[in-house]
Amino acid sequence: LQVNGDLVVGTDLDLNQVPSDAKIFTNGRLYAEDVFSKRVQQLSSARMKENISQLSSQETSDLLQGLQPVKFRYLSDQSQRLNFGFIAEEVPTALATHDRRAIHPFDIVAVLTKAVKDHRAVIQSLNRVVKDQQQAIAQLTARLNSLESRIQSPHKL
């Protein structure tokens, strides 16, 4: 283990005594049972990426169809706490690690963000349709009332 700065490890940590600037850096995998953080960040600069393109609505739909949320208990958790999430072996390949033992949660956030944006666009479109239909119904109702009043008062014809 090579540490450049603060590294705090333990099972009974008082989180109030952990330095606010404590950092852990690993150039590889880091496995942990529970991770507490004030903020989790994923490197995401365009300078680090290539072949950037928008996620299509069809891709979003296909990926969402492949996500089956489950509730479960970890075998190693003696407290038997109920958890919610996904089964790595069952999520779409693009959302799982190559060994299918873990998922890419930030990728799932991107898919969900696109789905929410798509749904908002549909809702806005449907709201416009409903507004137009309400106006048409109001106009037709006014015309119907006018015609009914003419029928009830034949001398106005």
N, C-alpha and C. Protein backbone atom coordinates (compact mmCIF):
# COMPACT_ATOMS: atom_id res chain seq x y z
N LEU A 1 0.85 -1.17 0.00
CA LEU A 1 0.00 0.00 0.00
C LEU A 1 0.89 1.23 0.00
N GLN A 2 0.65 2.09 -0.95
CA GLN A 2 1.42 3.33 -1.03
C GLN A 2 0.44 4.49 -0.89
N VAL A 3 0.69 5.34 0.10
CA VAL A 3 -0.23 6.43 0.39
C VAL A 3 0.49 7.76 0.24
N ASN A 4 -0.15 8.66 -0.47
CA ASN A 4 0.36 10.01 -0.63
C ASN A 4 -0.69 10.94 -0.01
N GLY A 5 -0.61 11.23 1.24
CA GLY A 5 -1.64 12.00 1.93
C GLY A 5 -2.26 11.15 3.00
N ASP A 6 -3.48 11.49 3.40
CA ASP A 6 -4.15 10.77 4.47
C ASP A 6 -4.88 9.55 3.94
N LEU A 7 -4.78 8.45 4.66
CA LEU A 7 -5.54 7.24 4.38
C LEU A 7 -6.12 6.80 5.70
N VAL A 8 -7.42 6.69 5.80
CA VAL A 8 -8.08 6.31 7.04
C VAL A 8 -8.79 4.99 6.80
N VAL A 9 -8.41 3.97 7.53
CA VAL A 9 -9.00 2.65 7.37
C VAL A 9 -9.37 2.12 8.74
N GLY A 10 -10.52 1.50 8.85
CA GLY A 10 -10.92 0.91 10.12
C GLY A 10 -12.38 0.51 10.08
N THR A 11 -12.81 -0.22 11.09
CA THR A 11 -14.20 -0.67 11.11
C THR A 11 -15.06 0.17 12.04
N ASP A 12 -14.47 0.78 13.06
CA ASP A 12 -15.24 1.58 14.01
C ASP A 12 -14.78 3.03 13.97
N LEU A 13 -14.85 3.64 12.80
CA LEU A 13 -14.38 5.01 12.64
C LEU A 13 -15.43 6.00 13.14
N ASP A 14 -14.94 7.03 13.81
CA ASP A 14 -15.79 8.17 14.13
C ASP A 14 -15.65 9.13 12.95
N LEU A 15 -16.68 9.20 12.12
CA LEU A 15 -16.60 9.99 10.89
C LEU A 15 -16.33 11.46 11.16
N ASN A 16 -16.63 11.94 12.37
CA ASN A 16 -16.35 13.33 12.70
C ASN A 16 -14.87 13.58 12.91
N GLN A 17 -14.09 12.52 13.12
CA GLN A 17 -12.66 12.70 13.35
C GLN A 17 -11.82 12.41 12.11
N VAL A 18 -12.47 12.02 11.02
CA VAL A 18 -11.75 11.78 9.78
C VAL A 18 -11.43 13.14 9.15
N PRO A 19 -10.18 13.39 8.76
CA PRO A 19 -9.84 14.67 8.15
C PRO A 19 -10.71 14.94 6.92
N SER A 20 -11.17 16.19 6.78
CA SER A 20 -12.07 16.51 5.68
C SER A 20 -11.38 16.41 4.32
N ASP A 21 -10.05 16.46 4.32
CA ASP A 21 -9.33 16.37 3.05
C ASP A 21 -8.64 15.02 2.87
N ALA A 22 -9.09 14.02 3.65
CA ALA A 22 -8.51 12.68 3.51
C ALA A 22 -8.78 12.15 2.12
N LYS A 23 -7.77 11.55 1.50
CA LYS A 23 -7.91 11.07 0.13
C LYS A 23 -7.34 9.66 0.00
N ILE A 24 -7.97 8.90 -0.86
CA ILE A 24 -7.47 7.58 -1.22
C ILE A 24 -7.38 7.56 -2.74
N PHE A 25 -6.28 7.15 -3.27
CA PHE A 25 -6.14 7.02 -4.70
C PHE A 25 -5.64 5.61 -4.99
N THR A 26 -6.28 4.97 -5.93
CA THR A 26 -5.81 3.65 -6.34
C THR A 26 -5.78 3.61 -7.85
N ASN A 27 -4.76 3.05 -8.38
CA ASN A 27 -4.67 2.86 -9.83
C ASN A 27 -5.00 1.40 -10.09
N GLY A 28 -6.22 1.07 -9.91
CA GLY A 28 -6.69 -0.30 -10.02
C GLY A 28 -8.04 -0.40 -9.32
N ARG A 29 -8.35 -1.52 -8.79
CA ARG A 29 -9.65 -1.73 -8.14
C ARG A 29 -9.54 -1.54 -6.64
N LEU A 30 -10.60 -1.01 -6.09
CA LEU A 30 -10.72 -0.83 -4.66
C LEU A 30 -12.03 -1.47 -4.25
N TYR A 31 -11.98 -2.47 -3.41
CA TYR A 31 -13.19 -3.15 -2.94
C TYR A 31 -13.46 -2.72 -1.51
N ALA A 32 -14.73 -2.46 -1.21
CA ALA A 32 -15.10 -2.05 0.14
C ALA A 32 -16.50 -2.56 0.46
N GLU A 33 -16.73 -2.86 1.71
CA GLU A 33 -18.04 -3.32 2.16
C GLU A 33 -19.03 -2.15 2.19
N ASP A 34 -18.68 -1.10 2.89
CA ASP A 34 -19.51 0.10 2.96
C ASP A 34 -18.61 1.29 2.68
N VAL A 35 -19.09 2.23 1.89
CA VAL A 35 -18.32 3.43 1.57
C VAL A 35 -19.16 4.63 1.95
N PHE A 36 -18.59 5.52 2.75
CA PHE A 36 -19.26 6.75 3.15
C PHE A 36 -18.51 7.90 2.51
N SER A 37 -19.25 8.79 1.93
CA SER A 37 -18.62 9.90 1.23
C SER A 37 -19.53 11.11 1.27
N LYS A 38 -18.93 12.28 1.33
CA LYS A 38 -19.72 13.51 1.20
C LYS A 38 -20.10 13.72 -0.25
N ARG A 39 -19.27 13.23 -1.17
CA ARG A 39 -19.51 13.44 -2.59
C ARG A 39 -18.77 12.36 -3.38
N VAL A 40 -19.43 11.82 -4.37
CA VAL A 40 -18.81 10.84 -5.26
C VAL A 40 -18.75 11.50 -6.64
N GLN A 41 -17.58 11.42 -7.25
CA GLN A 41 -17.41 12.05 -8.55
C GLN A 41 -16.84 11.03 -9.53
N GLN A 42 -17.28 11.14 -10.76
CA GLN A 42 -16.76 10.31 -11.83
C GLN A 42 -16.06 11.23 -12.82
N LEU A 43 -14.85 10.87 -13.20
CA LEU A 43 -14.15 11.65 -14.22
C LEU A 43 -14.99 11.63 -15.48
N SER A 44 -15.22 12.83 -16.06
CA SER A 44 -16.16 12.88 -17.18
C SER A 44 -15.83 13.95 -18.21
N SER A 45 -14.65 14.46 -18.20
CA SER A 45 -14.27 15.51 -19.13
C SER A 45 -14.26 15.00 -20.57
N ALA A 46 -14.72 15.84 -21.49
CA ALA A 46 -14.69 15.49 -22.92
C ALA A 46 -13.26 15.26 -23.38
N ARG A 47 -12.30 15.88 -22.71
CA ARG A 47 -10.88 15.70 -23.09
C ARG A 47 -10.41 14.26 -22.88
N MET A 48 -11.17 13.49 -22.12
CA MET A 48 -10.78 12.11 -21.82
C MET A 48 -11.56 11.10 -22.66
N LYS A 49 -12.38 11.59 -23.59
CA LYS A 49 -13.31 10.71 -24.31
C LYS A 49 -13.16 10.86 -25.81
N GLU A 50 -13.65 9.86 -26.52
CA GLU A 50 -13.72 9.94 -27.98
C GLU A 50 -15.02 9.30 -28.43
N ASN A 51 -15.37 9.52 -29.68
CA ASN A 51 -16.61 8.97 -30.26
C ASN A 51 -17.84 9.33 -29.42
N ILE A 52 -17.93 10.57 -28.99
CA ILE A 52 -19.05 11.03 -28.17
C ILE A 52 -20.27 11.21 -29.06
N SER A 53 -21.39 10.63 -28.66
CA SER A 53 -22.65 10.81 -29.38
C SER A 53 -23.81 10.73 -28.39
N GLN A 54 -24.95 11.24 -28.82
CA GLN A 54 -26.13 11.25 -27.97
C GLN A 54 -26.71 9.84 -27.85
N LEU A 55 -27.21 9.53 -26.69
CA LEU A 55 -27.91 8.27 -26.46
C LEU A 55 -29.29 8.41 -27.10
N SER A 56 -29.64 7.49 -27.96
CA SER A 56 -30.94 7.58 -28.65
C SER A 56 -32.07 7.12 -27.74
N SER A 57 -33.26 7.55 -28.08
CA SER A 57 -34.44 7.13 -27.32
C SER A 57 -34.63 5.61 -27.40
N GLN A 58 -34.33 5.02 -28.56
CA GLN A 58 -34.47 3.58 -28.70
C GLN A 58 -33.46 2.85 -27.84
N GLU A 59 -32.21 3.32 -27.83
CA GLU A 59 -31.18 2.71 -26.96
C GLU A 59 -31.60 2.81 -25.50
N THR A 60 -32.12 3.97 -25.13
CA THR A 60 -32.57 4.18 -23.75
C THR A 60 -33.67 3.19 -23.40
N SER A 61 -34.64 3.07 -24.28
CA SER A 61 -35.75 2.15 -24.04
C SER A 61 -35.25 0.71 -23.91
N ASP A 62 -34.35 0.31 -24.79
CA ASP A 62 -33.82 -1.06 -24.75
C ASP A 62 -33.06 -1.32 -23.44
N LEU A 63 -32.24 -0.35 -23.03
CA LEU A 63 -31.48 -0.51 -21.79
C LEU A 63 -32.40 -0.57 -20.58
N LEU A 64 -33.41 0.30 -20.56
CA LEU A 64 -34.35 0.29 -19.43
C LEU A 64 -35.12 -1.03 -19.36
N GLN A 65 -35.49 -1.56 -20.52
CA GLN A 65 -36.19 -2.85 -20.54
C GLN A 65 -35.34 -3.95 -19.90
N GLY A 66 -34.03 -3.82 -20.04
CA GLY A 66 -33.12 -4.83 -19.49
C GLY A 66 -32.81 -4.67 -18.02
N LEU A 67 -33.30 -3.60 -17.42
CA LEU A 67 -33.07 -3.38 -15.98
C LEU A 67 -34.26 -3.90 -15.18
N GLN A 68 -34.02 -4.84 -14.33
CA GLN A 68 -35.06 -5.38 -13.48
C GLN A 68 -34.70 -5.12 -12.03
N PRO A 69 -35.23 -4.05 -11.44
CA PRO A 69 -34.92 -3.75 -10.04
C PRO A 69 -35.36 -4.89 -9.13
N VAL A 70 -34.53 -5.20 -8.15
CA VAL A 70 -34.82 -6.28 -7.20
C VAL A 70 -34.55 -5.79 -5.78
N LYS A 71 -35.09 -6.51 -4.83
CA LYS A 71 -34.72 -6.31 -3.43
C LYS A 71 -34.04 -7.60 -2.97
N PHE A 72 -33.10 -7.45 -2.07
CA PHE A 72 -32.28 -8.62 -1.70
C PHE A 72 -31.53 -8.36 -0.40
N ARG A 73 -30.92 -9.42 0.11
CA ARG A 73 -30.02 -9.34 1.25
C ARG A 73 -28.69 -9.95 0.84
N TYR A 74 -27.58 -9.30 1.20
CA TYR A 74 -26.27 -9.85 0.91
C TYR A 74 -26.01 -11.05 1.82
N LEU A 75 -25.46 -12.10 1.27
CA LEU A 75 -25.15 -13.30 2.05
C LEU A 75 -24.20 -12.99 3.19
N SER A 76 -23.27 -12.06 2.97
CA SER A 76 -22.25 -11.76 3.98
C SER A 76 -22.71 -10.73 5.01
N ASP A 77 -23.92 -10.18 4.85
CA ASP A 77 -24.40 -9.14 5.76
C ASP A 77 -25.11 -9.77 6.94
N GLN A 78 -24.44 -9.74 8.07
CA GLN A 78 -25.01 -10.37 9.27
C GLN A 78 -26.23 -9.62 9.79
N SER A 79 -26.36 -8.36 9.46
CA SER A 79 -27.52 -7.59 9.92
C SER A 79 -28.77 -7.92 9.09
N GLN A 80 -28.57 -8.58 7.94
CA GLN A 80 -29.67 -8.96 7.05
C GLN A 80 -30.49 -7.76 6.59
N ARG A 81 -29.81 -6.63 6.35
CA ARG A 81 -30.45 -5.41 5.88
C ARG A 81 -30.99 -5.62 4.47
N LEU A 82 -32.19 -5.13 4.23
CA LEU A 82 -32.79 -5.22 2.91
C LEU A 82 -32.16 -4.17 2.00
N ASN A 83 -31.75 -4.58 0.81
CA ASN A 83 -31.12 -3.71 -0.18
C ASN A 83 -31.97 -3.69 -1.44
N PHE A 84 -31.74 -2.67 -2.26
CA PHE A 84 -32.43 -2.54 -3.53
C PHE A 84 -31.40 -2.30 -4.61
N GLY A 85 -31.58 -2.89 -5.76
CA GLY A 85 -30.61 -2.69 -6.82
C GLY A 85 -30.87 -3.61 -7.99
N PHE A 86 -29.77 -4.08 -8.57
CA PHE A 86 -29.84 -4.92 -9.76
C PHE A 86 -28.92 -6.11 -9.59
N ILE A 87 -29.15 -7.14 -10.38
CA ILE A 87 -28.28 -8.31 -10.43
C ILE A 87 -27.34 -8.12 -11.61
N ALA A 88 -26.06 -8.04 -11.34
CA ALA A 88 -25.07 -7.71 -12.38
C ALA A 88 -25.14 -8.67 -13.57
N GLU A 89 -25.39 -9.94 -13.30
CA GLU A 89 -25.45 -10.92 -14.39
C GLU A 89 -26.68 -10.73 -15.27
N GLU A 90 -27.66 -9.95 -14.80
CA GLU A 90 -28.93 -9.80 -15.53
C GLU A 90 -29.11 -8.45 -16.20
N VAL A 91 -28.25 -7.47 -15.90
CA VAL A 91 -28.40 -6.16 -16.53
C VAL A 91 -27.83 -6.21 -17.94
N PRO A 92 -28.22 -5.27 -18.81
CA PRO A 92 -27.62 -5.23 -20.15
C PRO A 92 -26.09 -5.16 -20.06
N THR A 93 -25.44 -5.80 -20.99
CA THR A 93 -23.98 -5.88 -21.01
C THR A 93 -23.32 -4.51 -20.87
N ALA A 94 -23.89 -3.51 -21.52
CA ALA A 94 -23.30 -2.17 -21.48
C ALA A 94 -23.30 -1.56 -20.09
N LEU A 95 -24.13 -2.06 -19.19
CA LEU A 95 -24.25 -1.49 -17.85
C LEU A 95 -23.56 -2.33 -16.78
N ALA A 96 -22.85 -3.37 -17.19
CA ALA A 96 -22.16 -4.24 -16.24
C ALA A 96 -20.66 -4.23 -16.53
N THR A 97 -19.89 -4.61 -15.51
CA THR A 97 -18.45 -4.76 -15.72
C THR A 97 -18.20 -5.97 -16.61
N HIS A 98 -17.01 -6.05 -17.17
CA HIS A 98 -16.71 -7.15 -18.11
C HIS A 98 -16.86 -8.52 -17.47
N ASP A 99 -16.60 -8.63 -16.16
CA ASP A 99 -16.74 -9.93 -15.49
C ASP A 99 -18.16 -10.16 -14.96
N ARG A 100 -19.05 -9.16 -15.16
CA ARG A 100 -20.47 -9.23 -14.77
C ARG A 100 -20.66 -9.46 -13.27
N ARG A 101 -19.70 -8.97 -12.49
CA ARG A 101 -19.83 -9.07 -11.03
C ARG A 101 -20.31 -7.76 -10.43
N ALA A 102 -20.31 -6.69 -11.22
CA ALA A 102 -20.69 -5.36 -10.72
C ALA A 102 -21.39 -4.60 -11.85
N ILE A 103 -22.01 -3.50 -11.45
CA ILE A 103 -22.68 -2.65 -12.42
C ILE A 103 -21.99 -1.28 -12.48
N HIS A 104 -22.31 -0.52 -13.51
CA HIS A 104 -21.80 0.84 -13.67
C HIS A 104 -22.94 1.80 -13.27
N PRO A 105 -23.02 2.21 -12.01
CA PRO A 105 -24.17 3.03 -11.58
C PRO A 105 -24.26 4.38 -12.28
N PHE A 106 -23.13 5.01 -12.61
CA PHE A 106 -23.20 6.30 -13.29
C PHE A 106 -23.74 6.14 -14.71
N ASP A 107 -23.49 5.01 -15.34
CA ASP A 107 -24.06 4.75 -16.66
C ASP A 107 -25.58 4.61 -16.56
N ILE A 108 -26.04 3.98 -15.48
CA ILE A 108 -27.47 3.83 -15.27
C ILE A 108 -28.10 5.20 -15.06
N VAL A 109 -27.40 6.09 -14.36
CA VAL A 109 -27.90 7.46 -14.17
C VAL A 109 -28.06 8.16 -15.52
N ALA A 110 -27.11 7.97 -16.42
CA ALA A 110 -27.21 8.59 -17.75
C ALA A 110 -28.44 8.07 -18.50
N VAL A 111 -28.67 6.77 -18.43
CA VAL A 111 -29.83 6.17 -19.10
C VAL A 111 -31.13 6.72 -18.50
N LEU A 112 -31.18 6.78 -17.18
CA LEU A 112 -32.38 7.30 -16.52
C LEU A 112 -32.61 8.78 -16.83
N THR A 113 -31.52 9.55 -16.92
CA THR A 113 -31.63 10.97 -17.27
C THR A 113 -32.24 11.13 -18.65
N LYS A 114 -31.77 10.35 -19.61
CA LYS A 114 -32.30 10.40 -20.97
C LYS A 114 -33.78 9.99 -20.97
N ALA A 115 -34.12 8.96 -20.21
CA ALA A 115 -35.52 8.50 -20.15
C ALA A 115 -36.41 9.58 -19.56
N VAL A 116 -35.96 10.24 -18.51
CA VAL A 116 -36.76 11.30 -17.90
C VAL A 116 -36.95 12.45 -18.89
N LYS A 117 -35.89 12.82 -19.59
CA LYS A 117 -36.00 13.90 -20.58
C LYS A 117 -36.98 13.51 -21.70
N ASP A 118 -36.89 12.28 -22.17
CA ASP A 118 -37.82 11.81 -23.21
C ASP A 118 -39.26 11.85 -22.69
N HIS A 119 -39.47 11.39 -21.46
CA HIS A 119 -40.82 11.37 -20.90
C HIS A 119 -41.34 12.80 -20.70
N ARG A 120 -40.48 13.72 -20.30
CA ARG A 120 -40.90 15.12 -20.14
C ARG A 120 -41.35 15.69 -21.49
N ALA A 121 -40.61 15.35 -22.55
CA ALA A 121 -40.99 15.84 -23.88
C ALA A 121 -42.36 15.28 -24.29
N VAL A 122 -42.59 14.01 -24.00
CA VAL A 122 -43.89 13.40 -24.32
C VAL A 122 -45.00 14.06 -23.51
N ILE A 123 -44.75 14.29 -22.24
CA ILE A 123 -45.75 14.93 -21.37
C ILE A 123 -46.08 16.33 -21.88
N GLN A 124 -45.05 17.10 -22.26
CA GLN A 124 -45.29 18.45 -22.78
C GLN A 124 -46.11 18.39 -24.07
N SER A 125 -45.80 17.44 -24.92
CA SER A 125 -46.55 17.28 -26.17
C SER A 125 -48.00 16.91 -25.89
N LEU A 126 -48.20 15.98 -24.96
CA LEU A 126 -49.57 15.57 -24.61
C LEU A 126 -50.33 16.71 -23.94
N ASN A 127 -49.64 17.53 -23.16
CA ASN A 127 -50.29 18.68 -22.54
C ASN A 127 -50.79 19.66 -23.61
N ARG A 128 -49.99 19.85 -24.67
CA ARG A 128 -50.42 20.72 -25.78
C ARG A 128 -51.65 20.13 -26.47
N VAL A 129 -51.65 18.81 -26.68
CA VAL A 129 -52.80 18.15 -27.31
C VAL A 129 -54.04 18.32 -26.44
N VAL A 130 -53.90 18.10 -25.14
CA VAL A 130 -55.04 18.24 -24.23
C VAL A 130 -55.56 19.67 -24.25
N LYS A 131 -54.65 20.65 -24.23
CA LYS A 131 -55.06 22.06 -24.26
C LYS A 131 -55.84 22.35 -25.55
N ASP A 132 -55.32 21.88 -26.69
CA ASP A 132 -56.00 22.08 -27.97
C ASP A 132 -57.37 21.41 -27.96
N GLN A 133 -57.44 20.21 -27.41
CA GLN A 133 -58.71 19.49 -27.35
C GLN A 133 -59.70 20.20 -26.44
N GLN A 134 -59.20 20.74 -25.32
CA GLN A 134 -60.09 21.47 -24.42
C GLN A 134 -60.66 22.71 -25.12
N GLN A 135 -59.83 23.40 -25.89
CA GLN A 135 -60.30 24.58 -26.63
C GLN A 135 -61.34 24.16 -27.67
N ALA A 136 -61.08 23.06 -28.38
CA ALA A 136 -62.02 22.58 -29.39
C ALA A 136 -63.34 22.18 -28.74
N ILE A 137 -63.26 21.51 -27.60
CA ILE A 137 -64.49 21.10 -26.89
C ILE A 137 -65.27 22.33 -26.45
N ALA A 138 -64.56 23.34 -25.95
CA ALA A 138 -65.24 24.58 -25.52
C ALA A 138 -65.95 25.24 -26.71
N GLN A 139 -65.28 25.28 -27.85
CA GLN A 139 -65.90 25.88 -29.04
C GLN A 139 -67.11 25.07 -29.50
N LEU A 140 -66.97 23.76 -29.52
CA LEU A 140 -68.09 22.90 -29.94
C LEU A 140 -69.25 22.99 -28.95
N THR A 141 -68.93 23.08 -27.67
CA THR A 141 -69.98 23.21 -26.66
C THR A 141 -70.73 24.52 -26.85
N ALA A 142 -70.00 25.61 -27.13
CA ALA A 142 -70.64 26.90 -27.37
C ALA A 142 -71.54 26.83 -28.61
N ARG A 143 -71.08 26.20 -29.67
CA ARG A 143 -71.88 26.05 -30.89
C ARG A 143 -73.12 25.21 -30.63
N LEU A 144 -72.95 24.12 -29.87
CA LEU A 144 -74.07 23.25 -29.54
C LEU A 144 -75.10 24.00 -28.71
N ASN A 145 -74.63 24.75 -27.73
CA ASN A 145 -75.56 25.54 -26.90
C ASN A 145 -76.32 26.55 -27.75
N SER A 146 -75.61 27.17 -28.69
CA SER A 146 -76.26 28.14 -29.58
C SER A 146 -77.33 27.46 -30.43
N LEU A 147 -77.00 26.31 -30.98
CA LEU A 147 -77.97 25.56 -31.80
C LEU A 147 -79.15 25.10 -30.96
N GLU A 148 -78.91 24.63 -29.76
CA GLU A 148 -80.01 24.19 -28.89
C GLU A 148 -80.93 25.35 -28.55
N SER A 149 -80.34 26.51 -28.30
CA SER A 149 -81.18 27.66 -27.95
C SER A 149 -82.02 28.09 -29.16
N ARG A 150 -81.47 27.96 -30.37
CA ARG A 150 -82.24 28.28 -31.58
C ARG A 150 -83.39 27.30 -31.78
N ILE A 151 -83.13 26.03 -31.47
CA ILE A 151 -84.19 25.02 -31.63
C ILE A 151 -85.29 25.26 -30.62
N GLN A 152 -84.92 25.63 -29.42
CA GLN A 152 -85.92 25.86 -28.37
C GLN A 152 -86.69 27.16 -28.60
N SER A 153 -86.14 28.05 -29.36
CA SER A 153 -86.81 29.33 -29.68
C SER A 153 -86.92 29.43 -31.20
N PRO A 154 -87.90 28.75 -31.82
CA PRO A 154 -87.99 28.69 -33.28
C PRO A 154 -88.19 30.06 -33.95
N HIS A 155 -88.75 31.01 -33.26
CA HIS A 155 -88.96 32.31 -33.86
C HIS A 155 -87.65 33.05 -34.11
N LYS A 156 -86.51 32.62 -33.51
CA LYS A 156 -85.21 33.25 -33.74
C LYS A 156 -84.57 32.72 -35.02
N LEU A 157 -85.13 31.67 -35.59
CA LEU A 157 -84.57 31.11 -36.81
C LEU A 157 -84.87 31.99 -37.92
